């Protein structure tokens, strides 16, 4: 498939042209007062959750409200050697050589930067799908350090990481306090809170800053941005705007993307009429079946059928699903068919850094005439 070949080129660096104009330069071993440099400007264009400030001899990474109801920003100095800044905030020596990540969305970003071998610990390694990173698990280079957010602090301390990249809904994990006492920096990653697909993908620059690969991260993102914007332009040529519903029932409640969410923005850019596009919120809406049926009974497409990958499974779960026109017309699609060796769904791991592929999938499904030779990667029709 053409798009898979293109993906491989991106992953292996075949399309990466280093752009030094969008990076921070470092001077090692110097003691200097903070001097802001011109290269500080416009390093982050879409993401709202973090900022990179460049100074003459160090960088400052600012993560803004990395979890819901976070009351303050988290700031980190990224530097080489002994640098006098006059700022009493946590210092991290770069490039980070040994790190622990906590979300599968972090894995592809490390791989794109060629830094997966710096990953030494991860919770629930069974859910990692990437062949490259699974090879590290098989070889004993990557240690399972806990389940979900119950991190094994003793195991982490023994691994001696330079930093732990945290993902969570708050800062309450008891392991964090223990790790901080033992000198292990906790750096929060809030990519999952981004509203826009390009904003989420731009967190590649967060990893670029920590790995001291700013220029490479910027080049990777430029390719993603270009392909996403091109796909959006293609979608704009559509002569019709099909209506679209999403989600399924879970314990008698229907969960679907809110109007300001990552998914809703993808539906908008695919030139579809997402029926809950005007709702507020960046996460999910929780509705009852009756309200969804009333609004979406005649929707043209049903995108995102949860864990269900067959029409029969949907009907077995709830026979009332057959009342939707999209079901009757065989227009139900799922992101859940492609799975890794441990059962992890590839979409959840890869979509944040491949929004251009997700958008092309949506355009192909809802406007097939616009991409006649394209074969969807994530989005598959229910049999």
Protein backbone atom coordinates (compact mmCIF):
# COMPACT_ATOMS: atom_id res chain seq x y z
CA UNK A 1 0.00 0.00 0.00
CA UNK A 2 1.33 3.40 -0.97
CA UNK A 3 0.56 5.11 2.31
CA UNK A 4 2.28 2.34 4.31
CA UNK A 5 5.45 2.84 2.29
CA UNK A 6 5.24 6.54 3.02
CA UNK A 7 4.75 5.81 6.71
CA UNK A 8 7.84 3.63 6.70
CA UNK A 9 9.89 6.43 5.18
CA UNK A 10 8.75 8.79 7.92
CA UNK A 11 9.59 6.27 10.65
CA UNK A 12 13.03 5.52 9.25
CA UNK A 13 13.88 9.14 8.67
CA UNK A 14 13.76 8.94 4.89
CA UNK A 15 11.86 12.20 4.64
CA UNK A 16 13.58 14.07 7.44
CA UNK A 17 15.43 17.20 6.40
CA UNK A 18 16.88 18.87 9.46
CA UNK A 19 15.67 22.42 9.91
CA UNK A 20 17.99 24.21 12.32
CA UNK A 21 15.98 27.41 12.24
CA UNK A 22 13.35 25.93 14.57
CA UNK A 23 15.65 24.49 17.24
CA UNK A 24 17.46 25.51 20.40
CA UNK A 25 21.24 25.44 20.43
CA UNK A 26 23.13 24.50 23.60
CA UNK A 27 26.48 25.50 25.05
CA UNK A 28 27.86 23.04 27.58
CA UNK A 29 29.77 23.56 30.78
CA UNK A 30 29.16 27.31 31.07
CA UNK A 31 27.93 29.44 33.94
CA UNK A 32 25.99 32.33 32.46
CA UNK A 33 23.02 34.45 33.37
CA UNK A 34 19.80 33.78 31.49
CA UNK A 35 19.72 35.45 28.08
CA UNK A 36 16.69 34.77 25.87
CA UNK A 37 17.55 34.00 22.26
CA UNK A 38 15.68 34.82 19.09
CA UNK A 39 15.23 31.11 18.34
CA UNK A 40 12.76 31.00 21.22
CA UNK A 41 10.02 32.36 19.00
CA UNK A 42 7.32 30.17 17.51
CA UNK A 43 8.81 26.79 18.40
CA UNK A 44 5.32 25.46 19.16
CA UNK A 45 2.55 26.40 16.75
CA UNK A 46 -0.49 24.24 17.48
CA UNK A 47 -0.10 22.61 20.89
CA UNK A 48 -1.51 24.50 23.85
CA UNK A 49 -0.16 22.24 26.56
CA UNK A 50 3.54 23.01 26.49
CA UNK A 51 6.09 25.65 25.59
CA UNK A 52 9.81 25.57 24.90
CA UNK A 53 11.82 28.67 25.72
CA UNK A 54 15.39 28.92 24.47
CA UNK A 55 18.10 30.80 26.33
CA UNK A 56 21.71 31.28 25.44
CA UNK A 57 22.91 28.21 27.30
CA UNK A 58 19.83 26.21 28.30
CA UNK A 59 16.18 25.53 27.49
CA UNK A 60 13.09 25.82 29.65
CA UNK A 61 10.31 23.29 29.14
CA UNK A 62 6.95 24.50 30.45
CA UNK A 63 4.10 21.98 30.63
CA UNK A 64 0.82 23.80 31.10
CA UNK A 65 -1.92 22.17 33.17
CA UNK A 66 -0.91 18.61 32.22
CA UNK A 67 -3.97 17.02 33.83
CA UNK A 68 -7.56 18.14 34.50
CA UNK A 69 -7.92 20.71 37.28
CA UNK A 70 -4.16 21.19 37.46
CA UNK A 71 -3.61 24.48 39.28
CA UNK A 72 -0.12 25.27 38.06
CA UNK A 73 2.30 24.86 35.23
CA UNK A 74 5.25 22.49 35.57
CA UNK A 75 8.61 23.97 34.58
CA UNK A 76 11.91 22.23 33.91
CA UNK A 77 15.35 23.52 32.98
CA UNK A 78 16.99 21.44 30.28
CA UNK A 79 20.73 21.94 30.25
CA UNK A 80 24.17 20.49 29.85
CA UNK A 81 26.67 20.93 32.61
CA UNK A 82 26.49 23.48 35.40
CA UNK A 83 24.42 26.48 34.37
CA UNK A 84 23.59 29.47 36.55
CA UNK A 85 20.08 30.68 35.75
CA UNK A 86 18.85 32.37 38.88
CA UNK A 87 15.71 30.22 38.65
CA UNK A 88 14.99 27.73 41.41
CA UNK A 89 13.24 25.09 39.31
CA UNK A 90 14.04 21.47 38.56
CA UNK A 91 17.01 20.87 36.28
CA UNK A 92 17.29 17.95 33.87
CA UNK A 93 20.54 17.13 32.13
CA UNK A 94 20.14 16.60 28.41
CA UNK A 95 20.23 14.65 26.28
CA UNK A 96 18.17 12.26 28.40
CA UNK A 97 19.71 8.83 27.89
CA UNK A 98 17.59 6.63 30.17
CA UNK A 99 13.87 7.27 30.47
CA UNK A 100 10.66 5.68 31.60
CA UNK A 101 7.40 6.37 29.74
CA UNK A 102 3.88 5.60 30.93
CA UNK A 103 1.62 5.88 27.85
CA UNK A 104 1.70 3.89 24.63
CA UNK A 105 1.33 7.21 22.77
CA UNK A 106 4.89 8.01 23.87
CA UNK A 107 6.34 4.95 22.12
CA UNK A 108 5.93 6.07 18.46
CA UNK A 109 7.35 9.51 19.25
CA UNK A 110 10.50 7.94 20.67
CA UNK A 111 10.75 5.60 17.69
CA UNK A 112 10.38 8.37 15.12
CA UNK A 113 13.30 10.12 16.79
CA UNK A 114 15.31 6.89 16.78
CA UNK A 115 15.39 6.88 20.56
CA UNK A 116 13.41 3.78 21.52
CA UNK A 117 16.53 2.17 23.01
CA UNK A 118 16.62 4.92 25.61
CA UNK A 119 13.34 3.58 26.98
CA UNK A 120 14.21 1.33 29.94
CA UNK A 121 10.85 0.98 31.72
CA UNK A 122 7.14 0.96 30.97
CA UNK A 123 3.97 -0.17 32.81
CA UNK A 124 1.88 -2.89 31.16
CA UNK A 125 4.37 -3.74 28.43
CA UNK A 126 1.84 -6.24 26.99
CA UNK A 127 -0.04 -3.31 25.48
CA UNK A 128 2.92 -2.08 23.45
CA UNK A 129 2.30 -3.02 19.82
CA UNK A 130 5.40 -1.75 18.00
CA UNK A 131 7.67 -4.54 16.75
CA UNK A 132 10.76 -2.42 17.35
CA UNK A 133 9.95 -1.75 20.98
CA UNK A 134 8.66 -5.28 21.58
CA UNK A 135 12.07 -6.51 20.46
CA UNK A 136 13.55 -4.53 23.36
CA UNK A 137 11.14 -6.25 25.75
CA UNK A 138 12.09 -9.68 24.41
CA UNK A 139 15.76 -8.80 24.73
CA UNK A 140 15.43 -7.77 28.35
CA UNK A 141 16.26 -4.13 27.65
CA UNK A 142 12.80 -2.84 28.62
CA UNK A 143 11.39 -3.62 32.07
CA UNK A 144 7.71 -3.79 33.06
CA UNK A 145 7.49 -1.42 36.03
CA UNK A 146 3.88 -1.85 37.15
CA UNK A 147 0.25 -2.04 36.17
CA UNK A 148 -1.79 0.96 35.03
CA UNK A 149 -0.75 3.86 37.27
CA UNK A 150 0.39 1.61 40.15
CA UNK A 151 4.07 2.10 39.50
CA UNK A 152 6.68 0.01 41.30
CA UNK A 153 8.85 2.73 42.85
CA UNK A 154 11.56 0.35 44.05
CA UNK A 155 11.95 -1.15 40.60
CA UNK A 156 12.10 2.29 39.00
CA UNK A 157 14.75 3.50 41.44
CA UNK A 158 16.85 0.41 40.69
CA UNK A 159 16.69 1.19 36.95
CA UNK A 160 18.22 4.65 37.59
CA UNK A 161 16.33 6.58 34.90
CA UNK A 162 17.27 10.16 34.04
CA UNK A 163 13.58 11.05 33.92
CA UNK A 164 10.10 9.54 34.16
CA UNK A 165 7.51 10.80 31.67
CA UNK A 166 4.23 10.75 33.59
CA UNK A 167 0.76 10.44 32.18
CA UNK A 168 -2.23 10.66 34.48
CA UNK A 169 -5.29 12.45 35.70
CA UNK A 170 -3.50 14.07 38.65
CA UNK A 171 -0.25 14.16 40.66
CA UNK A 172 -1.45 11.83 43.40
CA UNK A 173 0.40 8.62 42.56
CA UNK A 174 2.20 7.66 45.77
CA UNK A 175 5.20 6.47 43.78
CA UNK A 176 5.89 10.01 42.55
CA UNK A 177 6.83 11.33 46.00
CA UNK A 178 9.19 8.40 46.57
CA UNK A 179 10.82 8.87 43.19
CA UNK A 180 11.32 12.59 43.73
CA UNK A 181 12.97 11.93 47.09
CA UNK A 182 15.40 9.67 45.26
CA UNK A 183 16.28 12.37 42.73
CA UNK A 184 14.27 11.08 39.78
CA UNK A 185 12.59 13.95 37.89
CA UNK A 186 8.89 13.49 37.04
CA UNK A 187 7.97 15.25 33.80
CA UNK A 188 4.26 15.36 33.01
CA UNK A 189 3.05 14.85 29.45
CA UNK A 190 -0.41 16.22 28.71
CA UNK A 191 -0.68 15.43 25.00
CA UNK A 192 -4.01 13.67 25.56
CA UNK A 193 -5.64 16.97 26.53
CA UNK A 194 -4.95 18.67 23.20
CA UNK A 195 -8.05 19.63 21.22
CA UNK A 196 -6.60 19.55 17.71
CA UNK A 197 -4.94 16.70 15.83
CA UNK A 198 -1.90 18.79 14.91
CA UNK A 199 -1.66 20.08 18.47
CA UNK A 200 -1.45 16.53 19.73
CA UNK A 201 1.12 15.49 17.14
CA UNK A 202 3.28 18.50 17.97
CA UNK A 203 4.19 16.90 21.30
CA UNK A 204 6.96 15.24 19.30
CA UNK A 205 8.81 18.50 20.07
CA UNK A 206 8.40 17.82 23.82
CA UNK A 207 10.42 14.63 23.34
CA UNK A 208 12.79 16.42 20.99
CA UNK A 209 13.60 18.92 23.75
CA UNK A 210 14.33 16.19 26.32
CA UNK A 211 16.40 14.15 23.88
CA UNK A 212 18.18 17.27 22.58
CA UNK A 213 16.85 16.54 19.10
CA UNK A 214 14.84 19.70 18.55
CA UNK A 215 15.67 20.03 14.86
CA UNK A 216 14.81 16.42 14.06
CA UNK A 217 11.52 16.64 15.98
CA UNK A 218 10.62 19.82 14.11
CA UNK A 219 11.35 18.12 10.77
CA UNK A 220 9.19 15.13 11.67
CA UNK A 221 6.34 17.42 12.63
CA UNK A 222 6.64 19.46 9.41
CA UNK A 223 6.01 16.31 7.37
CA UNK A 224 2.95 15.44 9.48
CA UNK A 225 1.64 19.02 9.24
CA UNK A 226 2.11 19.18 5.47
CA UNK A 227 0.32 15.89 4.83
CA UNK A 228 -2.50 16.76 7.23
CA UNK A 229 -3.13 20.14 5.62
CA UNK A 230 -3.03 18.55 2.16
CA UNK A 231 -5.63 15.97 3.21
CA UNK A 232 -7.81 18.72 4.64
CA UNK A 233 -7.66 20.61 1.34
CA UNK A 234 -8.69 17.47 -0.51
CA UNK A 235 -11.69 17.10 1.82
CA UNK A 236 -12.72 20.68 1.10
CA UNK A 237 -13.37 19.68 -2.52
CA UNK A 238 -16.26 17.42 -1.51
CA UNK A 239 -19.60 18.43 -2.97
CA UNK A 240 -21.59 16.85 -0.14
CA UNK A 241 -21.21 16.86 3.64
CA UNK A 242 -22.42 13.52 4.99
CA UNK A 243 -23.76 13.34 8.54
CA UNK A 244 -21.82 11.34 11.08
CA UNK A 245 -22.44 9.71 14.46
CA UNK A 246 -19.96 8.05 16.80
CA UNK A 247 -19.54 5.90 19.89
CA UNK A 248 -21.46 3.04 21.51
CA UNK A 249 -23.26 2.15 24.71
CA UNK A 250 -21.23 1.19 27.75
CA UNK A 251 -23.16 0.15 30.85
CA UNK A 252 -26.33 1.78 29.47
CA UNK A 253 -24.55 5.06 28.71
CA UNK A 254 -23.56 6.21 25.23
CA UNK A 255 -20.08 7.74 25.11
CA UNK A 256 -19.16 9.90 22.13
CA UNK A 257 -16.69 12.73 21.41
CA UNK A 258 -17.60 16.22 22.60
CA UNK A 259 -17.61 19.02 20.04
CA UNK A 260 -14.22 20.47 20.97
CA UNK A 261 -12.40 17.13 21.15
CA UNK A 262 -9.56 15.66 19.13
CA UNK A 263 -11.98 13.32 17.31
CA UNK A 264 -14.58 16.01 16.59
CA UNK A 265 -11.92 18.18 15.01
CA UNK A 266 -10.87 15.29 12.79
CA UNK A 267 -14.48 14.80 11.68
CA UNK A 268 -14.73 18.53 10.91
CA UNK A 269 -11.51 18.53 8.87
CA UNK A 270 -12.78 15.54 6.90
CA UNK A 271 -15.68 17.77 5.79
CA UNK A 272 -18.38 15.77 7.54
CA UNK A 273 -21.32 16.95 9.59
CA UNK A 274 -20.59 15.52 13.01
CA UNK A 275 -23.97 15.70 14.71
CA UNK A 276 -22.55 16.77 18.08
CA UNK A 277 -20.11 19.32 16.65
CA UNK A 278 -21.75 22.20 18.54
CA UNK A 279 -21.51 20.57 21.97
CA UNK A 280 -19.01 21.90 24.47
CA UNK A 281 -16.13 19.99 26.00
CA UNK A 282 -12.83 18.42 25.02
CA UNK A 283 -13.52 14.92 26.27
CA UNK A 284 -16.56 12.67 25.94
CA UNK A 285 -20.27 13.25 26.19
CA UNK A 286 -22.27 10.72 28.18
CA UNK A 287 -25.81 10.31 26.79
CA UNK A 288 -28.64 7.82 26.89
CA UNK A 289 -29.64 5.66 23.96
CA UNK A 290 -32.88 7.51 23.30
CA UNK A 291 -31.23 10.89 22.85
CA UNK A 292 -28.64 9.45 20.47
CA UNK A 293 -31.26 7.66 18.40
CA UNK A 294 -33.40 10.77 18.18
CA UNK A 295 -30.48 12.81 16.82
CA UNK A 296 -28.65 10.23 14.73
CA UNK A 297 -31.26 7.77 13.46
CA UNK A 298 -30.64 8.95 9.88
CA UNK A 299 -26.90 9.61 10.11
CA UNK A 300 -25.03 8.59 6.96
CA UNK A 301 -22.00 7.15 8.76
CA UNK A 302 -21.28 5.59 12.12
CA UNK A 303 -17.58 6.07 12.88
CA UNK A 304 -16.07 4.47 15.96
CA UNK A 305 -17.99 1.43 17.18
CA UNK A 306 -15.86 0.92 20.27
CA UNK A 307 -14.47 -2.58 20.71
CA UNK A 308 -17.03 -4.09 18.33
CA UNK A 309 -15.55 -5.28 15.04
CA UNK A 310 -18.55 -7.18 13.60
CA UNK A 311 -22.14 -6.16 12.96
CA UNK A 312 -23.29 -9.34 14.69
CA UNK A 313 -21.43 -8.35 17.84
CA UNK A 314 -23.20 -5.02 17.89
CA UNK A 315 -26.61 -6.66 17.58
CA UNK A 316 -25.75 -9.22 20.24
CA UNK A 317 -24.84 -6.40 22.61
CA UNK A 318 -28.01 -4.43 21.85
CA UNK A 319 -30.56 -5.24 19.17
CA UNK A 320 -31.67 -1.61 19.02
CA UNK A 321 -28.47 -0.69 17.15
CA UNK A 322 -30.27 -1.95 14.05
CA UNK A 323 -32.56 1.08 14.23
CA UNK A 324 -29.82 3.36 12.89
CA UNK A 325 -29.74 3.96 9.14
CA UNK A 326 -25.95 3.71 9.16
CA UNK A 327 -26.22 0.18 10.52
CA UNK A 328 -28.88 -0.77 7.98
CA UNK A 329 -26.73 0.59 5.12
CA UNK A 330 -23.57 -1.19 6.25
CA UNK A 331 -21.87 2.14 7.00
CA UNK A 332 -20.44 1.33 10.44
CA UNK A 333 -16.65 1.67 10.79
CA UNK A 334 -14.22 0.90 13.58
CA UNK A 335 -10.66 1.84 14.56
CA UNK A 336 -10.29 -1.34 16.63
CA UNK A 337 -9.46 -4.05 14.09
CA UNK A 338 -5.71 -3.56 13.90
CA UNK A 339 -4.14 -4.90 17.09
CA UNK A 340 -0.66 -5.58 18.35
CA UNK A 341 0.68 -8.93 19.62
CA UNK A 342 -0.55 -8.23 23.15
CA UNK A 343 -4.01 -7.10 22.08
CA UNK A 344 -3.32 -3.37 22.16
CA UNK A 345 -5.27 -1.39 19.55
CA UNK A 346 -2.86 0.28 17.11
CA UNK A 347 -5.09 3.33 16.68
CA UNK A 348 -4.68 4.40 20.30
CA UNK A 349 -0.91 4.02 20.10
CA UNK A 350 -0.27 5.57 16.70
CA UNK A 351 -3.10 8.02 15.97
CA UNK A 352 -1.69 10.95 18.00
CA UNK A 353 1.44 11.08 15.85
CA UNK A 354 -0.31 10.06 12.62
CA UNK A 355 -3.35 12.37 12.42
CA UNK A 356 -2.70 12.77 8.69
CA UNK A 357 -3.33 9.04 8.21
CA UNK A 358 -6.49 9.12 10.34
CA UNK A 359 -7.76 12.09 8.34
CA UNK A 360 -7.08 10.36 5.04
CA UNK A 361 -8.94 7.29 6.31
CA UNK A 362 -11.96 9.44 7.17
CA UNK A 363 -11.87 11.22 3.81
CA UNK A 364 -11.64 7.91 1.95
CA UNK A 365 -14.62 6.45 3.84
CA UNK A 366 -16.90 9.49 3.67
CA UNK A 367 -15.77 10.92 0.29
CA UNK A 368 -14.33 7.89 -1.56
CA UNK A 369 -14.20 9.70 -4.90
CA UNK A 370 -11.59 12.14 -3.56
CA UNK A 371 -8.96 9.46 -2.80
CA UNK A 372 -9.63 6.72 -5.37
CA UNK A 373 -6.29 4.91 -4.93
CA UNK A 374 -6.00 5.18 -1.15
CA UNK A 375 -6.61 2.23 1.19
CA UNK A 376 -7.50 3.09 4.80
CA UNK A 377 -5.04 1.99 7.46
CA UNK A 378 -6.89 2.43 10.77
CA UNK A 379 -10.54 2.72 9.78
CA UNK A 380 -12.21 -0.53 8.72
CA UNK A 381 -15.83 -1.40 7.89
CA UNK A 382 -17.65 -3.81 10.18
CA UNK A 383 -18.40 -7.10 8.43
